Protein backbone atom coordinates (compact mmCIF):
# COMPACT_ATOMS: atom_id res chain seq x y z
CA MET A 1 23.49 -5.53 2.05
CA ASP A 2 21.01 -8.49 1.49
CA ALA A 3 17.26 -8.47 2.37
CA LYS A 4 17.77 -10.59 5.48
CA LEU A 5 20.37 -8.13 6.95
CA ARG A 6 18.28 -5.09 5.93
CA THR A 7 15.16 -6.61 7.77
CA THR A 8 17.36 -7.39 10.82
CA CYS A 9 18.69 -3.84 10.93
CA HIS A 10 15.18 -2.38 10.78
CA ILE A 11 13.91 -4.70 13.54
CA ALA A 12 16.87 -3.85 15.96
CA ALA A 13 16.51 -0.08 15.32
CA PHE A 14 12.79 -0.40 16.07
CA ILE A 15 13.33 -2.36 19.28
CA ALA A 16 15.91 0.18 20.30
CA LEU A 17 13.37 3.01 19.88
CA VAL A 18 10.86 1.08 21.86
CA ILE A 19 13.16 0.58 24.92
CA ALA A 20 15.03 3.93 24.70
CA VAL A 21 12.45 5.79 26.87
CA PRO A 22 13.74 7.67 29.84
CA GLY A 23 12.84 6.02 33.09
CA SER A 24 11.82 9.07 34.85
CA VAL A 25 8.99 9.80 32.45
CA ARG A 26 5.69 9.04 33.82
CA ALA A 27 2.21 9.04 32.25
CA GLU A 28 -1.10 7.46 32.56
CA PRO A 29 -2.01 4.62 30.09
CA GLY A 30 -3.25 6.12 26.73
CA ASP A 31 -1.44 9.45 27.30
CA GLY A 32 1.90 8.29 25.93
CA LEU A 33 5.34 8.91 27.35
CA ARG A 34 6.60 12.53 27.24
CA SER A 35 10.17 13.59 27.10
CA GLY A 36 10.66 17.30 26.45
CA ASN A 37 8.64 18.19 23.29
CA LEU A 38 8.22 14.57 22.16
CA GLN A 39 5.53 12.10 22.89
CA LEU A 40 6.22 8.41 22.48
CA SER A 41 3.27 5.93 22.40
CA PRO A 42 4.41 2.27 22.44
CA GLY A 43 1.71 -0.48 21.94
CA VAL A 44 1.08 -3.92 20.80
CA MET A 45 -1.71 -5.50 18.65
CA LEU A 46 -2.85 -9.05 19.00
CA GLY A 47 -5.05 -10.48 16.35
CA THR A 48 -6.69 -13.72 15.24
CA GLY A 49 -8.55 -14.58 12.16
CA PHE A 50 -9.56 -17.07 9.42
CA ASP A 51 -8.81 -17.15 5.70
CA THR A 52 -11.05 -19.13 3.49
CA ASN A 53 -8.74 -19.11 0.35
CA LEU A 54 -4.97 -18.70 1.41
CA PHE A 55 -3.65 -19.46 -2.27
CA TYR A 56 -6.23 -17.73 -4.28
CA GLY A 57 -7.55 -21.19 -5.45
CA SER A 58 -10.50 -21.53 -8.05
CA GLY A 59 -11.55 -25.08 -7.39
CA SER A 60 -12.20 -27.12 -4.23
CA GLU A 61 -9.08 -29.21 -4.78
CA GLU A 62 -7.02 -25.98 -4.85
CA ILE A 63 -8.71 -24.12 -1.88
CA ARG A 64 -6.79 -24.00 1.41
CA GLN A 65 -8.32 -22.64 4.46
CA ALA A 66 -6.38 -21.68 7.66
CA PRO A 67 -6.67 -19.97 11.01
CA MET A 68 -4.08 -17.46 11.77
CA GLY A 69 -2.72 -15.16 14.63
CA ILE A 70 -0.84 -11.95 14.74
CA LEU A 71 1.50 -10.35 17.26
CA GLU A 72 2.56 -6.80 16.28
CA PRO A 73 4.47 -4.43 18.58
CA ARG A 74 4.03 -0.65 17.51
CA LEU A 75 5.44 2.62 18.26
CA LYS A 76 4.47 6.17 17.44
CA ILE A 77 6.67 9.34 18.10
CA ALA A 78 5.35 12.75 17.59
CA THR A 79 6.25 16.35 18.36
CA ILE A 80 3.86 17.92 20.89
CA GLU A 81 4.36 21.48 19.77
CA PRO A 82 5.89 21.58 16.27
CA THR A 83 7.30 25.09 15.86
CA ASN A 84 10.75 25.04 14.49
CA PHE A 85 10.99 21.33 14.01
CA ASP A 86 8.26 18.53 13.65
CA LEU A 87 9.34 14.82 14.02
CA ALA A 88 6.96 12.13 13.27
CA PHE A 89 7.39 8.24 13.36
CA ASN A 90 5.12 5.29 13.03
CA GLY A 91 6.42 1.83 13.33
CA ALA A 92 5.02 -1.70 13.41
CA VAL A 93 6.82 -5.15 13.18
CA GLY A 94 4.56 -8.05 13.16
CA TRP A 95 4.51 -11.84 12.97
CA THR A 96 1.73 -13.60 11.30
CA GLN A 97 1.37 -17.33 12.06
CA TYR A 98 -0.83 -19.64 10.07
CA PHE A 99 -2.02 -23.02 11.60
CA SER A 100 -2.61 -26.36 9.87
CA LEU A 101 -2.36 -29.94 11.00
CA GLN A 102 -2.27 -31.36 7.48
CA GLU A 103 -0.14 -29.24 5.18
CA ASP A 104 3.29 -27.74 5.76
CA ALA A 105 2.72 -25.44 2.82
CA VAL A 106 0.18 -23.56 4.99
CA THR A 107 2.24 -23.05 8.09
CA ARG A 108 5.26 -22.02 5.96
CA GLN A 109 3.43 -19.05 4.82
CA SER A 110 3.98 -17.55 8.33
CA GLY A 111 6.47 -14.75 8.46
CA LEU A 112 7.50 -11.27 9.34
CA SER A 113 6.18 -8.04 8.05
CA SER A 114 7.01 -4.42 8.87
CA ALA A 115 6.01 -0.92 8.11
CA LEU A 116 8.35 1.93 9.28
CA SER A 117 7.74 5.48 8.35
CA GLY A 118 9.45 8.64 9.61
CA SER A 119 9.73 12.27 8.81
CA GLY A 120 11.42 15.37 10.08
CA THR A 121 10.38 19.03 8.94
CA LEU A 122 12.25 22.04 9.43
CA ASN A 123 10.30 25.31 9.80
CA PRO A 124 6.88 23.60 9.45
CA ARG A 125 4.96 26.83 10.09
CA GLY A 126 7.18 29.22 8.34
CA ASN A 127 7.10 30.60 4.75
CA LEU A 128 9.76 28.13 3.54
CA SER A 129 9.88 24.43 4.92
CA LEU A 130 12.03 21.53 4.35
CA ARG A 131 10.93 17.87 5.03
CA LEU A 132 13.04 14.65 4.85
CA SER A 133 11.34 11.32 5.05
CA ASN A 134 11.82 7.68 4.80
CA HIS A 135 9.15 4.86 4.38
CA PHE A 136 9.92 1.18 4.57
CA LEU A 137 7.65 -1.78 4.00
CA ARG A 138 8.35 -5.48 4.07
CA THR A 139 5.34 -7.80 3.26
CA ASN A 140 4.71 -11.34 4.07
CA GLU A 141 1.99 -12.49 1.46
CA THR A 142 0.72 -15.88 0.31
CA PRO A 143 1.35 -16.73 -3.41
CA SER A 144 -1.27 -17.41 -5.98
CA SER A 145 -0.71 -21.27 -5.71
CA SER A 146 0.27 -23.70 -3.13
CA SER A 147 4.02 -23.21 -2.32
CA ASP A 148 6.56 -23.54 0.30
CA ASP A 149 7.74 -19.96 -0.31
CA SER A 150 5.80 -16.91 0.93
CA VAL A 151 5.86 -13.67 -0.98
CA ASN A 152 8.20 -11.03 0.63
CA ARG A 153 8.22 -7.70 -1.01
CA ILE A 154 10.64 -4.90 0.24
CA TRP A 155 9.84 -1.31 -0.54
CA ASN A 156 11.82 1.62 0.49
CA ARG A 157 11.25 5.29 -0.30
CA SER A 158 13.56 8.13 0.80
CA GLY A 159 12.62 11.71 -0.15
CA VAL A 160 12.85 15.38 0.39
CA VAL A 161 10.18 18.06 -0.03
CA LEU A 162 10.83 21.80 -0.24
CA GLY A 163 7.65 23.81 0.50
CA PHE A 164 6.95 27.42 -0.17
CA HIS A 165 3.82 28.67 1.57
CA PRO A 166 3.73 32.45 2.31
CA GLY A 167 1.53 34.10 4.82
CA GLY A 168 -1.90 32.69 5.22
CA ARG A 169 -0.90 29.89 2.97
CA VAL A 170 -3.31 30.87 0.24
CA LEU A 171 -0.74 30.09 -2.32
CA GLU A 172 1.42 26.92 -1.73
CA SER A 173 3.99 25.10 -3.82
CA HIS A 174 6.04 21.91 -3.14
CA LEU A 175 9.10 20.61 -5.05
CA SER A 176 9.99 16.96 -4.26
CA TYR A 177 12.59 14.27 -4.97
CA ASN A 178 12.38 10.67 -3.99
CA TYR A 179 14.40 7.42 -4.55
CA THR A 180 12.53 4.14 -4.40
CA VAL A 181 13.82 0.65 -4.12
CA TYR A 182 11.70 -2.38 -4.71
CA ARG A 183 12.80 -6.04 -4.24
CA HIS A 184 10.86 -9.29 -4.67
CA ASN A 185 12.05 -12.62 -3.12
CA LEU A 186 10.81 -14.92 -5.83
CA TYR A 187 10.88 -12.74 -9.19
CA THR A 188 14.10 -10.84 -9.32
CA ASN A 189 13.33 -9.54 -12.66
CA LEU A 190 10.73 -7.32 -10.88
CA ASP A 191 13.52 -5.65 -8.82
CA ARG A 192 13.81 -2.00 -9.67
CA GLY A 193 14.87 1.36 -8.50
CA SER A 194 13.33 4.62 -9.49
CA HIS A 195 14.05 8.40 -9.11
CA GLY A 196 10.82 10.48 -8.73
CA LEU A 197 10.57 14.37 -9.31
CA GLY A 198 7.38 16.29 -8.32
CA TRP A 199 5.80 19.60 -8.26
CA ARG A 200 2.49 20.59 -6.71
CA SER A 201 0.97 23.92 -6.42
CA SER A 202 -2.35 25.17 -4.93
CA TRP A 203 -4.31 28.37 -4.66
CA LYS A 204 -7.06 28.77 -2.15
CA PHE A 205 -9.81 30.73 -3.81
CA LEU A 206 -12.14 29.80 -0.99
CA PRO A 207 -11.01 29.19 2.83
CA LYS A 208 -11.29 25.39 2.23
CA THR A 209 -11.25 25.01 -1.40
CA ALA A 210 -8.25 25.19 -3.87
CA LEU A 211 -7.28 24.98 -7.42
CA VAL A 212 -4.45 22.44 -7.84
CA ALA A 213 -1.78 21.63 -10.33
CA ASP A 214 0.37 18.55 -10.13
CA ALA A 215 3.28 17.23 -12.21
CA THR A 216 5.28 14.06 -11.56
CA TYR A 217 8.20 12.55 -13.62
CA SER A 218 9.80 9.17 -12.88
CA ILE A 219 12.95 7.38 -14.04
CA VAL A 220 12.33 3.70 -13.56
CA GLY A 221 15.23 1.19 -14.04
CA TYR A 222 14.82 -2.77 -13.65
CA ARG A 223 17.80 -4.71 -12.73
CA GLY A 224 17.49 -7.18 -15.45
CA ALA A 225 16.20 -4.77 -18.15
CA GLN A 226 19.22 -5.36 -20.49
CA ALA A 227 18.69 -9.06 -20.62
CA ASP A 228 17.66 -10.85 -23.94
CA ASP A 229 15.49 -13.93 -23.46
CA ALA A 230 12.50 -14.24 -25.83
CA GLU A 231 10.93 -16.92 -23.60
CA ARG A 232 10.79 -14.71 -20.41
CA ILE A 233 9.32 -11.37 -19.58
CA VAL A 234 12.05 -8.71 -19.50
CA LYS A 235 10.94 -5.73 -17.74
CA VAL A 236 11.53 -2.40 -19.68
CA ASN A 237 12.71 0.79 -18.22
CA SER A 238 10.57 3.93 -18.49
CA THR A 239 10.23 7.49 -17.73
CA PRO A 240 6.57 8.21 -17.16
CA LEU A 241 5.35 11.67 -16.89
CA ARG A 242 1.85 12.83 -15.57
CA LEU A 243 0.38 16.35 -15.71
CA LEU A 244 -2.87 16.99 -13.83
CA GLY A 245 -4.93 19.96 -12.64
CA GLY A 246 -8.22 20.35 -10.86
CA VAL A 247 -10.01 21.50 -7.66
CA ASN A 248 -10.02 20.03 -4.27
CA GLY A 249 -11.89 21.03 -1.14
CA LEU A 250 -15.33 21.85 0.17
CA LEU A 251 -18.17 22.86 -2.20
CA THR A 252 -20.61 23.52 0.49
CA ASN A 253 -20.37 23.26 4.40
CA ARG A 254 -20.80 19.33 4.25
CA LEU A 255 -20.22 18.50 0.64
CA GLY A 256 -16.69 18.23 -0.81
CA ALA A 257 -15.01 16.99 -3.90
CA LYS A 258 -11.59 16.26 -5.52
CA LEU A 259 -11.74 16.60 -9.32
CA MET A 260 -8.41 16.04 -11.24
CA ALA A 261 -7.76 15.51 -14.82
CA GLY A 262 -4.72 15.54 -17.17
CA TYR A 263 -2.58 13.67 -19.61
CA ALA A 264 0.10 11.03 -19.11
CA TRP A 265 2.88 9.26 -21.13
CA GLY A 266 4.49 5.90 -20.17
CA PHE A 267 7.70 6.44 -22.26
CA TYR A 268 8.79 2.83 -22.20
CA ASP A 269 12.00 2.00 -23.89
CA ALA A 270 10.50 -0.70 -25.94
CA GLY A 271 7.12 -2.27 -26.70
CA ASP A 272 3.74 -0.83 -25.92
CA SER A 273 3.65 2.61 -24.14
CA PHE A 274 0.72 4.37 -22.64
CA GLN A 275 -0.25 7.83 -23.80
CA GLY A 276 -3.70 9.42 -23.00
CA VAL A 277 -6.06 11.12 -20.65
CA VAL A 278 -6.09 10.18 -16.88
CA GLY A 279 -8.24 11.52 -14.11
CA LEU A 280 -9.83 11.06 -10.68
CA ALA A 281 -13.16 12.20 -9.48
CA GLU A 282 -14.22 11.82 -5.85
CA GLY A 283 -17.02 13.29 -3.91
CA TYR A 284 -17.74 13.00 -0.20
CA TYR A 285 -20.49 14.23 2.15
CA GLY A 286 -20.21 14.78 5.95
CA PHE A 287 -23.17 14.17 8.02
CA GLY A 288 -24.16 14.32 11.73
CA SER A 289 -22.05 16.19 14.28
CA HIS A 290 -18.81 17.64 12.73
CA GLY A 291 -16.78 16.29 15.56
CA MET A 292 -17.78 12.61 14.86
CA ASN A 293 -16.19 12.72 11.40
CA ASN A 294 -19.05 10.87 9.76
CA ARG A 295 -18.64 10.66 6.00
CA LEU A 296 -20.02 9.10 2.82
CA ARG A 297 -17.71 9.07 -0.36
CA ILE A 298 -17.74 7.72 -3.95
CA GLY A 299 -15.18 8.10 -6.62
CA TYR A 300 -13.89 7.02 -10.06
CA GLU A 301 -10.25 6.87 -11.39
CA TYR A 302 -8.67 6.01 -14.61
CA ASN A 303 -4.90 5.73 -14.91
CA PHE A 304 -2.14 3.20 -15.71
CA ARG A 305 0.64 1.33 -13.79
CA ASP A 306 3.69 -0.86 -14.34
CA SER A 307 2.67 -4.48 -14.68
CA PRO A 308 4.62 -7.53 -13.56
CA ILE A 309 3.63 -9.38 -16.79
CA SER A 310 3.82 -6.56 -19.31
CA ASN A 311 4.97 -3.01 -19.59
CA TYR A 312 1.86 -1.69 -18.00
CA TYR A 313 -1.94 -2.09 -17.41
CA THR A 314 -4.67 0.52 -17.50
CA PHE A 315 -7.54 0.38 -14.95
CA HIS A 316 -10.91 1.67 -14.26
CA ARG A 317 -11.54 2.09 -10.50
CA VAL A 318 -14.85 2.73 -8.90
CA PHE A 319 -14.72 3.00 -5.06
CA GLY A 320 -16.99 4.08 -2.24
CA GLY A 321 -17.00 4.28 1.52
CA TYR A 322 -18.85 4.92 4.64
CA GLU A 323 -17.63 5.93 8.18
CA GLN A 324 -19.68 6.85 11.17
CA GLY A 325 -19.18 7.22 14.96
CA LEU A 326 -21.74 6.15 17.56
CA MET A 327 -21.86 6.24 21.29
CA ASN A 328 -20.01 9.54 21.71
CA ASN A 329 -17.59 8.20 18.94
CA ARG A 330 -16.43 5.20 21.05
CA LEU A 331 -17.92 2.93 18.36
CA ARG A 332 -16.73 3.40 14.81
CA LEU A 333 -18.40 1.50 11.89
CA GLY A 334 -16.81 1.57 8.46
CA LEU A 335 -17.40 0.12 4.88
CA GLU A 336 -15.06 0.32 1.89
CA THR A 337 -15.80 -1.00 -1.52
CA GLU A 338 -13.69 -1.13 -4.65
CA THR A 339 -14.18 -2.49 -8.33
CA GLN A 340 -11.36 -2.44 -10.67
CA ILE A 341 -11.32 -3.39 -14.46
CA ARG A 342 -7.70 -3.97 -15.47
CA ASP A 343 -6.40 -4.42 -19.03
CA TYR A 344 -2.85 -5.84 -19.26
CA ARG A 345 -1.05 -4.57 -22.42
CA TYR A 346 1.63 -6.81 -23.82
CA ALA A 347 2.34 -8.22 -27.19
CA GLY A 348 2.51 -11.81 -27.97
CA GLY A 349 1.34 -13.54 -24.71
CA GLY A 350 2.22 -16.83 -23.59
CA VAL A 351 5.61 -15.63 -22.11
CA ARG A 352 7.26 -17.28 -19.34
CA LEU A 353 8.47 -16.13 -15.90
CA PRO A 354 11.18 -18.11 -13.93
CA THR A 355 10.42 -19.25 -10.41
CA ALA A 356 12.73 -19.59 -7.44
CA ASN A 357 12.60 -23.44 -7.70
CA GLY A 358 13.93 -23.66 -11.27
CA GLY A 359 10.31 -23.97 -12.94
CA GLU A 360 8.50 -21.50 -14.99
CA VAL A 361 5.04 -20.07 -15.21
CA GLU A 362 3.40 -18.98 -18.52
CA THR A 363 1.06 -16.17 -18.69
CA PRO A 364 -2.22 -16.21 -20.96
CA ASN A 365 -2.31 -14.85 -24.36
CA SER A 366 -4.37 -11.82 -22.97
CA VAL A 367 -5.07 -10.81 -19.48
CA ASN A 368 -8.17 -8.86 -18.28
CA ASP A 369 -9.43 -8.66 -14.64
CA LEU A 370 -12.64 -7.60 -13.02
CA SER A 371 -11.73 -7.45 -9.29
CA VAL A 372 -14.20 -6.55 -6.51
CA GLY A 373 -13.19 -5.87 -2.93
CA VAL A 374 -15.31 -5.14 0.21
CA ARG A 375 -13.98 -4.42 3.74
CA ALA A 376 -16.45 -3.85 6.74
CA SER A 377 -15.33 -3.01 10.23
CA ALA A 378 -16.48 -2.14 13.72
CA GLY A 379 -14.17 -0.73 16.21
CA TYR A 380 -14.81 0.04 19.79
CA GLN A 381 -12.68 2.16 22.28
CA LEU A 382 -12.93 0.42 25.50
CA SER A 383 -10.59 2.91 27.27
CA ALA A 384 -8.12 5.55 26.43
CA TRP A 385 -5.44 2.84 26.01
CA TRP A 386 -7.47 -0.23 24.80
CA ASN A 387 -9.26 -0.68 21.45
CA ALA A 388 -10.94 -3.69 19.71
CA GLU A 389 -12.01 -4.14 16.22
CA LEU A 390 -13.81 -6.84 14.09
CA SER A 391 -13.36 -6.70 10.39
CA TYR A 392 -14.44 -8.65 7.39
CA ARG A 393 -12.81 -8.61 3.89
CA PHE A 394 -14.07 -10.05 0.66
CA GLY A 395 -12.21 -10.26 -2.57
CA THR A 396 -12.90 -11.88 -5.93
CA ASN A 397 -11.55 -11.69 -9.47
CA PHE A 398 -14.01 -12.47 -12.29
CA THR A 399 -11.83 -13.83 -15.19
CA ASP A 400 -11.34 -17.06 -17.12
CA ASP A 401 -7.51 -16.41 -17.62
CA GLN A 402 -5.26 -19.44 -16.95
CA ILE A 403 -1.64 -19.71 -15.94
CA ARG A 404 0.38 -22.75 -16.78
CA VAL A 405 2.91 -24.03 -14.39
CA PHE A 406 6.04 -25.84 -15.62
CA GLU A 407 8.10 -28.03 -13.08
CA GLN A 408 11.30 -27.58 -15.04
CA SER A 409 12.49 -24.80 -17.22
CA GLY A 410 12.11 -25.68 -20.89
CA ASP A 411 9.19 -28.42 -20.23
CA ILE A 412 6.67 -28.69 -22.96
CA GLU A 413 3.66 -29.87 -20.89
CA PRO A 414 2.59 -27.96 -17.85
CA SER A 415 2.71 -29.83 -14.49
CA GLN A 416 -0.26 -27.54 -13.33
CA ILE A 417 -2.87 -25.19 -14.78
CA ILE A 418 -4.05 -22.43 -12.45
CA LEU A 419 -7.24 -20.48 -13.04
CA ARG A 420 -6.81 -16.83 -11.97
CA GLU A 421 -10.47 -16.58 -10.88
CA PHE A 422 -11.00 -16.81 -7.11
CA VAL A 423 -13.21 -15.93 -4.22
CA ARG A 424 -11.63 -15.11 -0.77
CA HIS A 425 -13.11 -14.26 2.63
CA HIS A 426 -11.24 -13.17 5.51
CA ILE A 427 -12.44 -12.38 9.10
CA MET A 428 -10.26 -10.82 11.61
CA PHE A 429 -10.54 -9.82 15.40
CA GLN A 430 -7.93 -7.63 16.73
CA THR A 431 -7.16 -5.75 20.00
CA THR A 432 -4.72 -2.97 20.53
CA PHE A 433 -3.10 -1.75 23.68
CA THR A 434 -1.38 1.53 23.54
CA TYR A 435 0.43 3.20 26.52
């Protein structure tokens, strides 16, 4: 089944769920539609915004600005009283439209995105539980240079979790397995599948504070991993293992922390492979009335991830956030910040990636990023069924790395040189209606 057929099937299933509501069920707007022990909440989000740097350009001649509009139907299904079985579903299928009177490349970035997530849990309140889940994501993103092709990634994860949590849930353990599929419409050498095994156990030594142990093991296989082409990046299969332990929960009535540290191995079949200490430290503080969910948080993480241009990259991530409710929680203010220092590990450099139009792009000899992102938002609940939000996002990458673009495979001189440094502003207003 190809990507277009899979997407069509997901859209059809989503629409069927939206319309398959018993006609006799009645409810007030904002309360959802109830049928037996299920509550269905259909809705729609309408949005408009402006992007100051659609293709992540670094010079005035490369920067493309564009207004945009979004239409996104949504559906949420939840079990009202989960006793023996708990069903949960969240779905959204949206169309993003970019507008331009001058460039077709801008309007051709318009496209479909979707996020569908569902799970069913047997015996959720018992000593032994079983949860089946599936998460599907299709993105519609702009590429890093002006192009008629938008970036569409398809990600799907199916999983099962067996939970053991005896009386009081002081001691809990979870065994999990998942299979993940990733597809990229432009760079097929990034297509992969992975099996994931996990074990997580916690012991509450205080009512809301626990010691935690976590282990994950994955088997990652790329579709083109057996190819042999010295001029192009060939992704390498791996079996990464991470072992972490720590504490998670409240330290005082308002102060909480999540402190996790451990060791990880990349176990790549060839080339560089990660091995070292990894960790996460996050602290948060609740202020004001407990019912308002006001919170300040700050944290740091060091870890590694698979890279599209190498085996992996390591990253230092510093993040923080603020969230506060005002006017009896009808007005919500939020601020999120994140800074990442990424170091891409690969030997040689100057390697080439094929493009969908028969050309190639060449990576720099070394790649290091210093990226900064900020998101600020203000949301207001006008009624039980109507919400409005104004948001602003800022993103930048401080780097002098260059990417060379070749019009034809095998060309010696590049047709274009792209700087990876960029500054991007995005402002968005959206309103959501939920029945």
